[in-house]
């Protein structure tokens, strides 16, 4: 018999009428021959009310007691849903996270799942019950109630689908599915029929609010198809399936996103030597701050500039940490800029199709949007812009890549969305131990590329577009693109190309920038790119620290950096590539999948 997990968010169970409708959906699914597990969030604004109550009686409630309090919201919901199913003639049992056997670490208010027992759930399912599971919660080894933090009910639902080897995890929410961008900002946004786990990981980390990135990490790690649907629909209208495949394999870009409130911190003139990155990001990691865009461009005269972004709410803690390390270095200037937004385009097709960067940069330039920083991955390009330009920039790239239009019909479309492969019980147990731990899929060395750097680029719209339009016109394949913060209204822009076209690329860029008042064009015909690729790269804040510590220990200097949700790339001297690869493999051996 097939098994599905249905998750209902707070707005989907906000009233008795909505609770009854959710119960009907579960019963209907059971009548269609499925075993059903429901995961339910707290009703409507219930969690906000509980937080207000806590603040009314205590100026600084402990994290443990907040977990005790907030977990009651889901317990109210699951009991009411079970009652509604009974009233409709069905069989249902409600369970808290602890009763199910969801084991977490002891990080109150932001716990991570370590394992889930399936025995009790499976017994109830086999007896014809609909299992109603409280989302957002679990228990640590001492039996203390813990909560999973933002997006916790989504995480619960996908995790249960993984351990139960469900055919599908259905996420019922108040939107129709996953859109090419936020429809509240771009009226032409289109609902996608399907989107890949990789694309959705990037979009979720960029602020696409339909689902939280931790739940998508589970979906990718355990190959769980996730179907996002509107709970308000009285018909079974299709939503969006998040799975192994993209609907836009024939197009370079599937979606775009805007992260509104970012702040950039720049360290100007740090020592260009092994260990510098470890010192900087070690103190940030110790402050438990998640860093977003990290940009280090090529150093000069023994010094380099490092820039990175954090959410504005983390700015004060981050500044405190980096000012101390800056003083340890000596004559290092710390600069800070608030009021920034990040605009990104995402697509699996980007890995195999050229010309994405130049189109994006031209669209922004034509709308008068100035680019303050650039970083790329295989399936994403992100640029930093003024917050006032954020929404305009988002609309510009959505229009440029015609995301309002559906992709061409695919002849190979199948309704089989990738059910979890069958494994032996021992294999399943082994895979699900410490479920939410960091998983590194691969550590690689690429020694096929060279680097081009355009120095002293004026900080004004259109220059990046002009450079990459010239490069695209010659069909030169570009991999990494890094533009840092710059100083005095000037910035450096670096990118990598295959080694055999470095000389040609230099000539193309020289011709393109001849009248742009840029500085000299520098190049390195042979570089090494080290990459760490995995699930949880961004949500586990210690990944960069471990990476930079390993390279520092091996005396390998980092020359350039760019980051994404699933990958961290660093450029090192070609002669140090093998040493860096061995250092990183050793550093991540314990989390290698």
Protein backbone atom coordinates (compact mmCIF):
# COMPACT_ATOMS: atom_id res chain seq x y z
CA UNK A 1 0.00 0.00 0.00
CA UNK A 2 1.29 3.47 -0.86
CA UNK A 3 1.99 6.02 1.87
CA UNK A 4 1.78 9.80 1.74
CA UNK A 5 2.66 12.50 4.24
CA UNK A 6 0.43 15.60 4.27
CA UNK A 7 1.62 18.76 6.00
CA UNK A 8 -0.82 21.55 6.92
CA UNK A 9 0.61 24.93 7.89
CA UNK A 10 -0.81 27.36 10.41
CA UNK A 11 -3.06 29.18 7.95
CA UNK A 12 -4.43 25.82 6.76
CA UNK A 13 -5.69 24.93 10.27
CA UNK A 14 -6.44 28.46 11.52
CA UNK A 15 -10.18 27.91 12.11
CA UNK A 16 -12.47 24.98 12.98
CA UNK A 17 -13.76 25.04 9.39
CA UNK A 18 -10.23 24.75 7.97
CA UNK A 19 -9.39 21.99 10.43
CA UNK A 20 -12.42 20.04 9.21
CA UNK A 21 -11.41 20.59 5.58
CA UNK A 22 -7.88 19.32 6.34
CA UNK A 23 -9.42 16.24 7.97
CA UNK A 24 -11.53 15.66 4.85
CA UNK A 25 -8.43 15.80 2.61
CA UNK A 26 -6.70 13.17 4.74
CA UNK A 27 -9.75 10.89 4.79
CA UNK A 28 -10.16 11.27 1.03
CA UNK A 29 -6.53 10.26 0.51
CA UNK A 30 -7.02 7.21 2.74
CA UNK A 31 -10.14 6.23 0.84
CA UNK A 32 -8.08 6.36 -2.36
CA UNK A 33 -5.90 3.59 -0.95
CA UNK A 34 -3.08 5.48 0.78
CA UNK A 35 -1.79 5.21 4.29
CA UNK A 36 -1.73 8.79 5.59
CA UNK A 37 0.47 10.69 8.03
CA UNK A 38 -0.55 14.30 8.69
CA UNK A 39 1.92 16.84 10.06
CA UNK A 40 0.22 19.88 11.56
CA UNK A 41 1.45 23.32 12.59
CA UNK A 42 0.06 25.53 15.33
CA UNK A 43 -3.20 27.30 14.46
CA UNK A 44 -2.84 30.65 12.71
CA UNK A 45 -1.15 33.20 14.95
CA UNK A 46 -1.04 30.86 17.95
CA UNK A 47 2.76 30.80 18.10
CA UNK A 48 2.93 34.62 18.06
CA UNK A 49 0.41 34.72 20.92
CA UNK A 50 2.53 32.32 22.98
CA UNK A 51 5.66 34.39 22.37
CA UNK A 52 3.78 37.52 23.51
CA UNK A 53 2.65 35.70 26.67
CA UNK A 54 6.21 34.68 27.45
CA UNK A 55 7.48 38.22 27.03
CA UNK A 56 4.67 39.52 29.25
CA UNK A 57 5.79 37.44 32.23
CA UNK A 58 9.55 37.29 31.67
CA UNK A 59 12.06 39.70 30.14
CA UNK A 60 14.39 36.90 29.04
CA UNK A 61 12.73 33.46 28.99
CA UNK A 62 15.12 30.51 28.78
CA UNK A 63 15.32 28.58 25.53
CA UNK A 64 14.24 25.36 27.26
CA UNK A 65 11.08 26.90 28.68
CA UNK A 66 10.28 28.57 25.34
CA UNK A 67 10.37 25.13 23.74
CA UNK A 68 8.02 23.80 26.43
CA UNK A 69 5.64 26.67 25.74
CA UNK A 70 5.76 26.82 21.94
CA UNK A 71 5.35 23.07 21.52
CA UNK A 72 1.84 23.33 23.00
CA UNK A 73 0.60 25.13 19.87
CA UNK A 74 1.10 22.04 17.71
CA UNK A 75 -0.36 19.79 20.42
CA UNK A 76 -3.61 21.79 20.32
CA UNK A 77 -3.75 21.44 16.53
CA UNK A 78 -3.10 17.69 16.33
CA UNK A 79 -5.73 16.92 18.96
CA UNK A 80 -8.35 19.02 17.15
CA UNK A 81 -7.53 17.46 13.77
CA UNK A 82 -7.82 13.98 15.26
CA UNK A 83 -11.20 14.94 16.76
CA UNK A 84 -12.38 16.23 13.38
CA UNK A 85 -11.42 12.95 11.71
CA UNK A 86 -13.31 11.00 14.39
CA UNK A 87 -16.35 13.21 13.80
CA UNK A 88 -16.19 12.38 10.08
CA UNK A 89 -16.12 8.66 10.83
CA UNK A 90 -12.41 8.04 10.45
CA UNK A 91 -9.77 6.56 12.74
CA UNK A 92 -6.93 8.86 13.86
CA UNK A 93 -4.33 9.15 16.61
CA UNK A 94 -2.49 12.35 17.48
CA UNK A 95 1.15 12.18 18.60
CA UNK A 96 3.66 14.72 19.84
CA UNK A 97 7.18 14.68 18.44
CA UNK A 98 8.42 12.88 21.53
CA UNK A 99 5.66 10.26 21.33
CA UNK A 100 6.60 9.52 17.73
CA UNK A 101 10.25 9.13 18.65
CA UNK A 102 11.78 12.17 16.93
CA UNK A 103 15.20 12.45 18.60
CA UNK A 104 17.06 15.74 18.32
CA UNK A 105 20.17 17.33 19.74
CA UNK A 106 19.75 19.64 22.74
CA UNK A 107 19.96 22.95 20.89
CA UNK A 108 16.74 24.46 22.23
CA UNK A 109 14.69 26.60 19.79
CA UNK A 110 16.87 25.45 16.85
CA UNK A 111 17.32 21.72 17.36
CA UNK A 112 18.42 19.36 14.59
CA UNK A 113 16.89 15.93 14.04
CA UNK A 114 19.19 13.01 14.73
CA UNK A 115 16.87 10.02 14.27
CA UNK A 116 13.19 9.05 14.05
CA UNK A 117 11.56 5.82 15.16
CA UNK A 118 8.90 4.44 12.82
CA UNK A 119 7.56 1.56 14.94
CA UNK A 120 4.63 3.32 16.60
CA UNK A 121 3.56 5.16 13.46
CA UNK A 122 3.71 2.03 11.30
CA UNK A 123 1.66 0.00 13.79
CA UNK A 124 -1.06 2.65 13.81
CA UNK A 125 -1.01 2.97 10.01
CA UNK A 126 -1.31 -0.78 9.56
CA UNK A 127 -4.32 -0.70 11.91
CA UNK A 128 -6.10 1.81 9.64
CA UNK A 129 -5.36 4.97 11.62
CA UNK A 130 -4.46 8.31 10.15
CA UNK A 131 -1.44 9.43 12.20
CA UNK A 132 -1.54 13.11 13.19
CA UNK A 133 2.02 14.23 13.99
CA UNK A 134 2.89 17.47 15.75
CA UNK A 135 5.27 19.42 13.56
CA UNK A 136 8.17 21.58 14.67
CA UNK A 137 9.15 19.47 17.72
CA UNK A 138 11.05 16.51 19.09
CA UNK A 139 12.87 15.48 22.26
CA UNK A 140 16.54 15.22 23.21
CA UNK A 141 18.24 12.26 24.90
CA UNK A 142 17.11 13.47 28.34
CA UNK A 143 13.47 13.71 27.28
CA UNK A 144 13.39 17.51 27.11
CA UNK A 145 11.01 18.91 24.50
CA UNK A 146 12.88 20.69 21.71
CA UNK A 147 11.70 22.74 18.74
CA UNK A 148 13.27 22.82 15.29
CA UNK A 149 13.25 26.55 14.60
CA UNK A 150 12.05 28.35 11.50
CA UNK A 151 10.33 26.06 9.00
CA UNK A 152 10.25 23.27 11.56
CA UNK A 153 6.94 21.74 10.48
CA UNK A 154 8.12 21.46 6.88
CA UNK A 155 11.28 19.81 8.17
CA UNK A 156 9.23 17.37 10.27
CA UNK A 157 7.04 16.45 7.31
CA UNK A 158 9.87 15.74 4.88
CA UNK A 159 11.86 13.89 7.56
CA UNK A 160 8.87 11.62 8.31
CA UNK A 161 8.42 11.00 4.60
CA UNK A 162 12.08 9.99 4.41
CA UNK A 163 12.02 7.50 7.28
CA UNK A 164 8.68 6.02 6.20
CA UNK A 165 9.82 5.83 2.56
CA UNK A 166 6.67 7.70 1.55
CA UNK A 167 5.62 7.93 -2.07
CA UNK A 168 5.16 11.68 -1.70
CA UNK A 169 5.20 14.49 0.84
CA UNK A 170 2.35 16.93 0.22
CA UNK A 171 2.79 20.44 1.65
CA UNK A 172 -0.57 22.21 1.95
CA UNK A 173 -0.18 25.95 2.30
CA UNK A 174 -1.93 29.19 1.36
CA UNK A 175 -0.26 29.51 -2.08
CA UNK A 176 -0.78 27.52 -5.26
CA UNK A 177 2.79 26.21 -5.48
CA UNK A 178 6.33 27.41 -6.18
CA UNK A 179 6.52 30.44 -8.45
CA UNK A 180 9.29 31.68 -10.71
CA UNK A 181 9.61 34.54 -8.22
CA UNK A 182 7.56 36.17 -5.48
CA UNK A 183 4.18 37.01 -7.10
CA UNK A 184 3.71 39.82 -4.59
CA UNK A 185 6.66 41.61 -6.20
CA UNK A 186 6.31 40.55 -9.82
CA UNK A 187 2.77 40.30 -11.15
CA UNK A 188 3.94 38.14 -14.07
CA UNK A 189 5.36 35.41 -11.80
CA UNK A 190 4.32 31.94 -13.01
CA UNK A 191 3.63 28.80 -11.00
CA UNK A 192 6.07 26.06 -11.95
CA UNK A 193 4.85 22.50 -12.50
CA UNK A 194 8.07 21.13 -11.06
CA UNK A 195 11.42 22.32 -9.82
CA UNK A 196 14.52 20.34 -8.90
CA UNK A 197 15.74 19.88 -5.33
CA UNK A 198 18.95 21.71 -6.27
CA UNK A 199 17.12 24.70 -7.72
CA UNK A 200 14.73 24.83 -4.77
CA UNK A 201 17.61 24.69 -2.29
CA UNK A 202 19.06 27.80 -3.86
CA UNK A 203 15.69 29.56 -4.11
CA UNK A 204 14.76 28.69 -0.51
CA UNK A 205 18.05 30.03 0.81
CA UNK A 206 17.48 33.21 -1.19
CA UNK A 207 14.23 33.97 0.55
CA UNK A 208 11.59 32.07 -1.46
CA UNK A 209 9.22 31.69 1.48
CA UNK A 210 7.18 28.68 0.31
CA UNK A 211 9.49 26.22 2.09
CA UNK A 212 12.51 26.41 4.35
CA UNK A 213 15.87 25.20 3.05
CA UNK A 214 16.31 22.59 5.82
CA UNK A 215 13.27 20.68 4.59
CA UNK A 216 14.57 20.77 1.02
CA UNK A 217 17.91 19.43 2.30
CA UNK A 218 16.01 16.39 3.62
CA UNK A 219 14.18 16.02 0.32
CA UNK A 220 17.40 15.98 -1.66
CA UNK A 221 19.36 13.81 0.78
CA UNK A 222 16.67 11.11 0.92
CA UNK A 223 15.12 11.58 -2.55
CA UNK A 224 11.69 12.60 -1.25
CA UNK A 225 9.28 14.08 -3.82
CA UNK A 226 7.64 17.18 -2.26
CA UNK A 227 4.31 18.38 -3.68
CA UNK A 228 3.40 21.96 -2.72
CA UNK A 229 -0.36 22.56 -3.00
CA UNK A 230 -2.98 25.12 -1.98
CA UNK A 231 -5.01 23.94 1.02
CA UNK A 232 -7.80 26.39 0.13
CA UNK A 233 -8.58 24.66 -3.14
CA UNK A 234 -11.68 22.46 -3.03
CA UNK A 235 -10.39 20.52 -6.02
CA UNK A 236 -7.21 18.52 -6.38
CA UNK A 237 -5.51 21.18 -8.47
CA UNK A 238 -1.86 20.29 -9.15
CA UNK A 239 0.70 22.45 -7.40
CA UNK A 240 4.47 22.17 -7.82
CA UNK A 241 6.51 18.99 -7.42
CA UNK A 242 9.97 19.49 -5.94
CA UNK A 243 12.02 16.46 -7.00
CA UNK A 244 15.01 15.29 -9.00
CA UNK A 245 13.97 16.99 -12.24
CA UNK A 246 13.54 20.57 -13.41
CA UNK A 247 10.75 21.71 -15.72
CA UNK A 248 13.25 24.02 -17.42
CA UNK A 249 16.10 21.76 -18.50
CA UNK A 250 15.91 23.42 -21.91
CA UNK A 251 16.26 26.92 -20.42
CA UNK A 252 19.21 28.40 -18.53
CA UNK A 253 17.12 30.01 -15.76
CA UNK A 254 14.17 28.55 -13.85
CA UNK A 255 13.53 31.22 -11.25
CA UNK A 256 14.82 34.33 -9.55
CA UNK A 257 14.71 35.64 -6.02
CA UNK A 258 15.29 38.74 -3.93
CA UNK A 259 16.85 38.72 -0.47
CA UNK A 260 15.82 42.11 0.85
CA UNK A 261 17.79 43.08 3.94
CA UNK A 262 21.48 42.30 3.78
CA UNK A 263 24.52 44.11 5.09
CA UNK A 264 28.04 43.88 3.70
CA UNK A 265 31.18 43.90 5.79
CA UNK A 266 34.51 44.44 4.07
CA UNK A 267 37.99 43.94 5.50
CA UNK A 268 40.42 46.02 3.47
CA UNK A 269 44.09 45.08 3.42
CA UNK A 270 44.21 41.71 5.20
CA UNK A 271 47.41 39.65 4.85
CA UNK A 272 47.33 37.60 1.64
CA UNK A 273 48.70 34.45 3.27
CA UNK A 274 47.59 31.02 4.51
CA UNK A 275 45.41 31.18 7.61
CA UNK A 276 43.84 34.58 7.04
CA UNK A 277 40.43 33.21 6.02
CA UNK A 278 40.44 30.80 8.94
CA UNK A 279 41.09 33.63 11.39
CA UNK A 280 38.32 35.78 9.95
CA UNK A 281 35.61 33.16 9.61
CA UNK A 282 36.63 31.30 12.75
CA UNK A 283 35.48 34.23 14.91
CA UNK A 284 32.29 34.61 12.85
CA UNK A 285 31.52 30.90 13.22
CA UNK A 286 32.09 31.15 16.97
CA UNK A 287 29.42 33.88 17.03
CA UNK A 288 27.02 31.42 15.28
CA UNK A 289 26.38 33.83 12.41
CA UNK A 290 25.42 32.40 9.01
CA UNK A 291 27.42 34.19 6.30
CA UNK A 292 25.91 34.56 2.85
CA UNK A 293 27.97 35.92 -0.06
CA UNK A 294 31.71 35.59 0.53
CA UNK A 295 33.95 37.37 -1.95
CA UNK A 296 37.72 37.47 -1.93
CA UNK A 297 39.31 38.79 -5.06
CA UNK A 298 42.93 38.46 -6.09
CA UNK A 299 45.40 40.12 -3.74
CA UNK A 300 48.18 42.57 -4.58
CA UNK A 301 51.37 43.59 -2.80
CA UNK A 302 50.83 40.94 -0.12
CA UNK A 303 47.38 42.25 0.83
CA UNK A 304 43.83 41.30 -0.12
CA UNK A 305 40.27 42.49 0.48
CA UNK A 306 37.58 40.22 1.86
CA UNK A 307 33.87 41.03 1.72
CA UNK A 308 30.86 39.06 2.88
CA UNK A 309 27.19 39.63 3.61
CA UNK A 310 25.02 38.79 6.60
CA UNK A 311 21.40 39.45 7.39
CA UNK A 312 20.98 42.94 8.87
CA UNK A 313 19.79 41.41 12.15
CA UNK A 314 23.20 39.71 12.56
CA UNK A 315 25.22 42.81 11.74
CA UNK A 316 26.01 43.98 15.28
CA UNK A 317 27.27 40.58 16.45
CA UNK A 318 29.31 40.13 13.29
CA UNK A 319 30.95 43.55 13.49
CA UNK A 320 31.96 42.90 17.09
CA UNK A 321 33.66 39.67 16.05
CA UNK A 322 35.47 40.95 12.96
CA UNK A 323 36.71 44.18 14.55
CA UNK A 324 38.66 42.11 17.05
CA UNK A 325 40.30 39.97 14.37
CA UNK A 326 40.98 43.09 12.28
CA UNK A 327 42.87 44.63 15.20
CA UNK A 328 44.88 41.41 15.53
CA UNK A 329 45.98 41.78 11.90
CA UNK A 330 47.11 45.35 12.48
CA UNK A 331 46.38 47.99 9.86
CA UNK A 332 43.13 46.51 8.50
CA UNK A 333 40.14 48.74 7.75
CA UNK A 334 36.65 47.43 8.50
CA UNK A 335 33.91 48.87 6.30
CA UNK A 336 30.19 48.27 6.66
CA UNK A 337 27.30 49.00 4.33
CA UNK A 338 23.65 48.47 5.19
CA UNK A 339 20.57 48.85 3.02
CA UNK A 340 21.49 46.19 0.45
CA UNK A 341 19.60 43.45 -1.35
CA UNK A 342 20.70 40.37 -3.23
CA UNK A 343 19.14 39.44 -6.56
CA UNK A 344 19.78 35.95 -7.92
CA UNK A 345 18.89 33.83 -10.91
CA UNK A 346 18.81 30.04 -10.54
CA UNK A 347 18.63 27.22 -13.08
CA UNK A 348 20.06 23.78 -13.78
CA UNK A 349 20.46 24.75 -17.42
CA UNK A 350 23.00 27.37 -16.42
CA UNK A 351 25.62 24.64 -15.91
CA UNK A 352 25.62 23.81 -19.63
CA UNK A 353 24.49 27.00 -21.37
CA UNK A 354 26.51 30.17 -21.89
CA UNK A 355 25.39 33.79 -21.99
CA UNK A 356 23.45 33.97 -18.73
CA UNK A 357 25.72 36.45 -16.94
CA UNK A 358 25.87 38.97 -19.77
CA UNK A 359 22.07 38.92 -20.19
CA UNK A 360 21.51 39.41 -16.48
CA UNK A 361 24.04 42.22 -16.21
CA UNK A 362 22.68 43.97 -19.31
CA UNK A 363 19.10 43.79 -18.03
CA UNK A 364 20.19 45.42 -14.79
CA UNK A 365 22.25 48.07 -16.57
CA UNK A 366 19.38 48.98 -18.89
CA UNK A 367 17.22 49.60 -15.81
CA UNK A 368 19.94 51.73 -14.22
CA UNK A 369 20.76 49.21 -11.47
CA UNK A 370 24.36 49.30 -10.26
CA UNK A 371 26.01 46.00 -9.27
CA UNK A 372 28.00 46.19 -6.04
CA UNK A 373 29.22 42.59 -5.90
CA UNK A 374 28.95 39.38 -7.91
CA UNK A 375 29.27 35.73 -6.99
CA UNK A 376 28.35 32.62 -8.95
CA UNK A 377 27.90 28.86 -8.69
CA UNK A 378 27.13 26.19 -11.26
CA UNK A 379 23.40 26.95 -11.13
CA UNK A 380 23.20 30.45 -9.65
CA UNK A 381 24.36 34.02 -10.23
CA UNK A 382 23.89 36.49 -7.38
CA UNK A 383 24.48 40.23 -7.42
CA UNK A 384 24.38 42.74 -4.59
CA UNK A 385 22.46 45.98 -5.25
CA UNK A 386 21.09 48.89 -3.28
CA UNK A 387 17.94 47.91 -1.41
CA UNK A 388 16.04 50.70 -3.18
CA UNK A 389 16.81 48.97 -6.49
CA UNK A 390 15.99 45.45 -5.32
CA UNK A 391 12.46 45.07 -6.61
CA UNK A 392 13.27 46.83 -9.88
CA UNK A 393 16.23 44.48 -10.36
CA UNK A 394 14.10 41.42 -9.67
CA UNK A 395 11.53 42.48 -12.25
CA UNK A 396 14.25 43.20 -14.79
CA UNK A 397 15.82 39.72 -14.63
CA UNK A 398 12.41 38.01 -14.53
CA UNK A 399 11.49 39.87 -17.72
CA UNK A 400 14.87 39.25 -19.39
CA UNK A 401 14.65 35.46 -19.02
CA UNK A 402 10.93 35.41 -19.92
CA UNK A 403 10.07 33.46 -16.81
CA UNK A 404 6.38 34.32 -17.22
CA UNK A 405 6.29 31.91 -20.19
CA UNK A 406 5.97 28.14 -19.61
CA UNK A 407 8.85 25.95 -20.84
CA UNK A 408 8.51 23.91 -23.97
CA UNK A 409 6.49 20.72 -23.49
CA UNK A 410 8.72 17.78 -22.52
CA UNK A 411 8.08 14.47 -24.24
CA UNK A 412 9.79 12.56 -21.42
CA UNK A 413 7.48 13.84 -18.64
CA UNK A 414 6.44 11.12 -16.24
CA UNK A 415 4.11 11.08 -13.26
CA UNK A 416 6.70 8.98 -11.41
CA UNK A 417 8.36 11.74 -9.44
CA UNK A 418 11.12 9.62 -8.04
CA UNK A 419 9.88 7.43 -5.18
CA UNK A 420 12.53 6.66 -2.60
CA UNK A 421 14.46 3.58 -3.69
CA UNK A 422 13.86 0.39 -1.72
CA UNK A 423 16.68 -0.62 0.61
CA UNK A 424 17.29 -3.24 3.24
CA UNK A 425 16.27 -2.30 6.80
CA UNK A 426 19.94 -2.15 7.81
CA UNK A 427 20.75 0.23 4.95
CA UNK A 428 17.83 2.49 5.88
CA UNK A 429 18.92 2.67 9.52
CA UNK A 430 22.48 3.48 8.47
CA UNK A 431 21.35 6.27 6.13
CA UNK A 432 19.05 7.88 8.67
CA UNK A 433 21.43 8.02 11.61
CA UNK A 434 21.95 11.64 12.61
CA UNK A 435 19.58 12.62 9.81
CA UNK A 436 20.22 16.33 9.71
CA UNK A 437 24.00 16.24 9.89
CA UNK A 438 26.08 17.87 7.21
CA UNK A 439 26.62 15.58 4.23
CA UNK A 440 29.52 16.23 1.89
CA UNK A 441 28.95 14.63 -1.50
CA UNK A 442 32.26 15.49 -3.08
CA UNK A 443 35.53 17.36 -2.73
CA UNK A 444 37.06 18.15 -6.11
CA UNK A 445 40.05 19.75 -7.77
CA UNK A 446 39.74 21.49 -11.13
CA UNK A 447 43.05 22.32 -12.79
CA UNK A 448 41.64 23.09 -16.21
CA UNK A 449 41.13 26.83 -15.81
CA UNK A 450 42.90 30.17 -15.79
CA UNK A 451 41.95 33.54 -14.34
CA UNK A 452 41.31 37.00 -15.81
CA UNK A 453 41.13 40.06 -13.53
CA UNK A 454 39.97 43.51 -14.57
CA UNK A 455 41.27 45.98 -11.99
CA UNK A 456 39.93 49.38 -10.95
CA UNK A 457 36.49 49.17 -12.59
CA UNK A 458 34.41 52.33 -12.02
CA UNK A 459 31.45 51.66 -9.73
CA UNK A 460 28.66 52.41 -12.20
CA UNK A 461 25.98 50.49 -14.12
CA UNK A 462 26.74 48.71 -17.37
CA UNK A 463 30.44 47.89 -17.18
CA UNK A 464 30.05 44.25 -16.13
CA UNK A 465 27.43 43.85 -18.87
CA UNK A 466 29.80 45.25 -21.50
CA UNK A 467 32.63 42.96 -20.44
CA UNK A 468 30.59 39.76 -20.41
CA UNK A 469 28.72 40.59 -23.61
CA UNK A 470 32.11 40.73 -25.34
CA UNK A 471 33.15 37.44 -23.74
CA UNK A 472 29.86 35.75 -24.71
CA UNK A 473 30.15 37.03 -28.29
CA UNK A 474 33.34 34.96 -28.60
CA UNK A 475 31.62 31.89 -27.09
CA UNK A 476 34.11 31.77 -24.21
CA UNK A 477 32.87 29.59 -21.36
CA UNK A 478 33.02 31.40 -18.00
CA UNK A 479 32.89 29.53 -14.70
CA UNK A 480 33.51 31.55 -11.51
CA UNK A 481 32.74 35.27 -11.47
CA UNK A 482 33.80 37.34 -8.47
CA UNK A 483 33.43 41.09 -7.98
CA UNK A 484 34.34 42.40 -4.56
CA UNK A 485 33.53 45.52 -2.61
CA UNK A 486 36.25 47.77 -3.95
CA UNK A 487 37.41 51.08 -2.49
CA UNK A 488 37.28 54.73 -3.57
CA UNK A 489 34.58 54.01 -6.16
CA UNK A 490 36.65 51.32 -7.90
CA UNK A 491 36.40 47.53 -7.81
CA UNK A 492 38.16 44.52 -9.28
CA UNK A 493 36.30 41.85 -11.27
CA UNK A 494 37.75 38.37 -11.78
CA UNK A 495 36.49 35.37 -13.70
CA UNK A 496 37.80 32.00 -14.81
CA UNK A 497 37.93 30.45 -18.26
CA UNK A 498 39.49 27.28 -19.71
CA UNK A 499 43.28 27.50 -19.80
CA UNK A 500 43.51 27.21 -23.57
CA UNK A 501 41.50 30.43 -24.10
CA UNK A 502 43.09 32.65 -21.42
CA UNK A 503 45.17 34.57 -23.97
CA UNK A 504 42.15 35.12 -26.20
CA UNK A 505 40.03 36.16 -23.22
CA UNK A 506 42.59 38.76 -22.18
CA UNK A 507 42.50 40.28 -25.65
CA UNK A 508 38.68 40.30 -25.71
CA UNK A 509 38.53 42.05 -22.32
CA UNK A 510 41.22 44.54 -23.26
CA UNK A 511 39.23 45.49 -26.36
CA UNK A 512 35.97 45.70 -24.40
CA UNK A 513 37.41 47.93 -21.67
CA UNK A 514 39.63 50.15 -23.78
CA UNK A 515 37.37 53.20 -23.30
CA UNK A 516 36.06 52.39 -19.81
CA UNK A 517 38.93 53.87 -17.76
CA UNK A 518 39.61 50.52 -16.08
CA UNK A 519 42.96 49.55 -14.63
CA UNK A 520 45.29 47.00 -16.19
CA UNK A 521 44.05 43.53 -17.16
CA UNK A 522 45.83 40.83 -15.19
CA UNK A 523 45.77 37.11 -15.84
CA UNK A 524 47.00 33.81 -14.48
CA UNK A 525 47.11 31.08 -17.14
CA UNK A 526 46.91 28.19 -14.66
CA UNK A 527 44.95 28.12 -11.41
CA UNK A 528 43.48 25.40 -9.22
CA UNK A 529 39.85 25.48 -8.08
CA UNK A 530 39.01 23.47 -4.97
CA UNK A 531 35.31 22.80 -4.35
CA UNK A 532 33.42 21.31 -1.43
CA UNK A 533 29.94 20.21 -2.49
CA UNK A 534 27.21 18.89 -0.21
CA UNK A 535 23.89 19.28 1.59
CA UNK A 536 23.80 21.69 4.50
CA UNK A 537 26.76 23.83 3.38
CA UNK A 538 25.06 27.08 4.37
CA UNK A 539 22.89 25.96 7.27
CA UNK A 540 25.89 24.40 9.06
CA UNK A 541 27.87 27.54 9.84
CA UNK A 542 31.13 25.68 10.56
CA UNK A 543 31.74 24.40 7.01
CA UNK A 544 33.79 27.39 5.88
CA UNK A 545 35.74 27.43 9.15
CA UNK A 546 36.69 23.77 8.76
CA UNK A 547 37.62 24.30 5.13
CA UNK A 548 39.82 27.34 5.76
CA UNK A 549 41.44 25.71 8.81
CA UNK A 550 42.44 22.67 6.74
CA UNK A 551 43.96 24.82 4.00
CA UNK A 552 45.81 26.97 6.54
CA UNK A 553 47.25 23.87 8.21
CA UNK A 554 48.48 22.68 4.80
CA UNK A 555 50.01 26.15 4.13
CA UNK A 556 47.71 26.62 1.12
CA UNK A 557 46.82 30.26 0.44
CA UNK A 558 43.30 31.15 -0.70
CA UNK A 559 43.34 33.59 -3.63
CA UNK A 560 39.63 33.82 -4.50
CA UNK A 561 36.35 32.59 -3.01
CA UNK A 562 32.75 32.24 -4.03
CA UNK A 563 29.91 30.43 -2.32
CA UNK A 564 26.45 28.99 -2.86
CA UNK A 565 23.88 26.93 -0.96
CA UNK A 566 25.55 23.66 -1.94
CA UNK A 567 29.14 24.54 -2.82
CA UNK A 568 32.13 26.54 -1.65
CA UNK A 569 34.78 27.25 -4.32
CA UNK A 570 38.26 28.56 -3.62
CA UNK A 571 41.01 29.40 -6.06
CA UNK A 572 44.56 28.53 -5.04
CA UNK A 573 47.91 28.49 -6.80
CA UNK A 574 48.06 25.69 -9.34
CA UNK A 575 51.11 24.15 -7.65
CA UNK A 576 49.16 23.87 -4.38
CA UNK A 577 46.10 22.20 -5.85
CA UNK A 578 46.94 18.60 -4.95
CA UNK A 579 47.99 19.54 -1.41
CA UNK A 580 44.77 21.50 -0.95
CA UNK A 581 42.67 18.59 -2.25
CA UNK A 582 44.22 16.13 0.19
CA UNK A 583 43.78 18.58 3.08
CA UNK A 584 40.08 19.07 2.32
CA UNK A 585 39.41 15.36 1.82
CA UNK A 586 40.94 14.68 5.22
CA UNK A 587 39.00 17.55 6.84
CA UNK A 588 35.61 16.29 5.61
CA UNK A 589 36.27 12.53 5.74
CA UNK A 590 33.89 12.13 8.70
CA UNK A 591 30.93 13.66 6.84
CA UNK A 592 31.56 12.26 3.36
CA UNK A 593 28.48 10.49 2.04
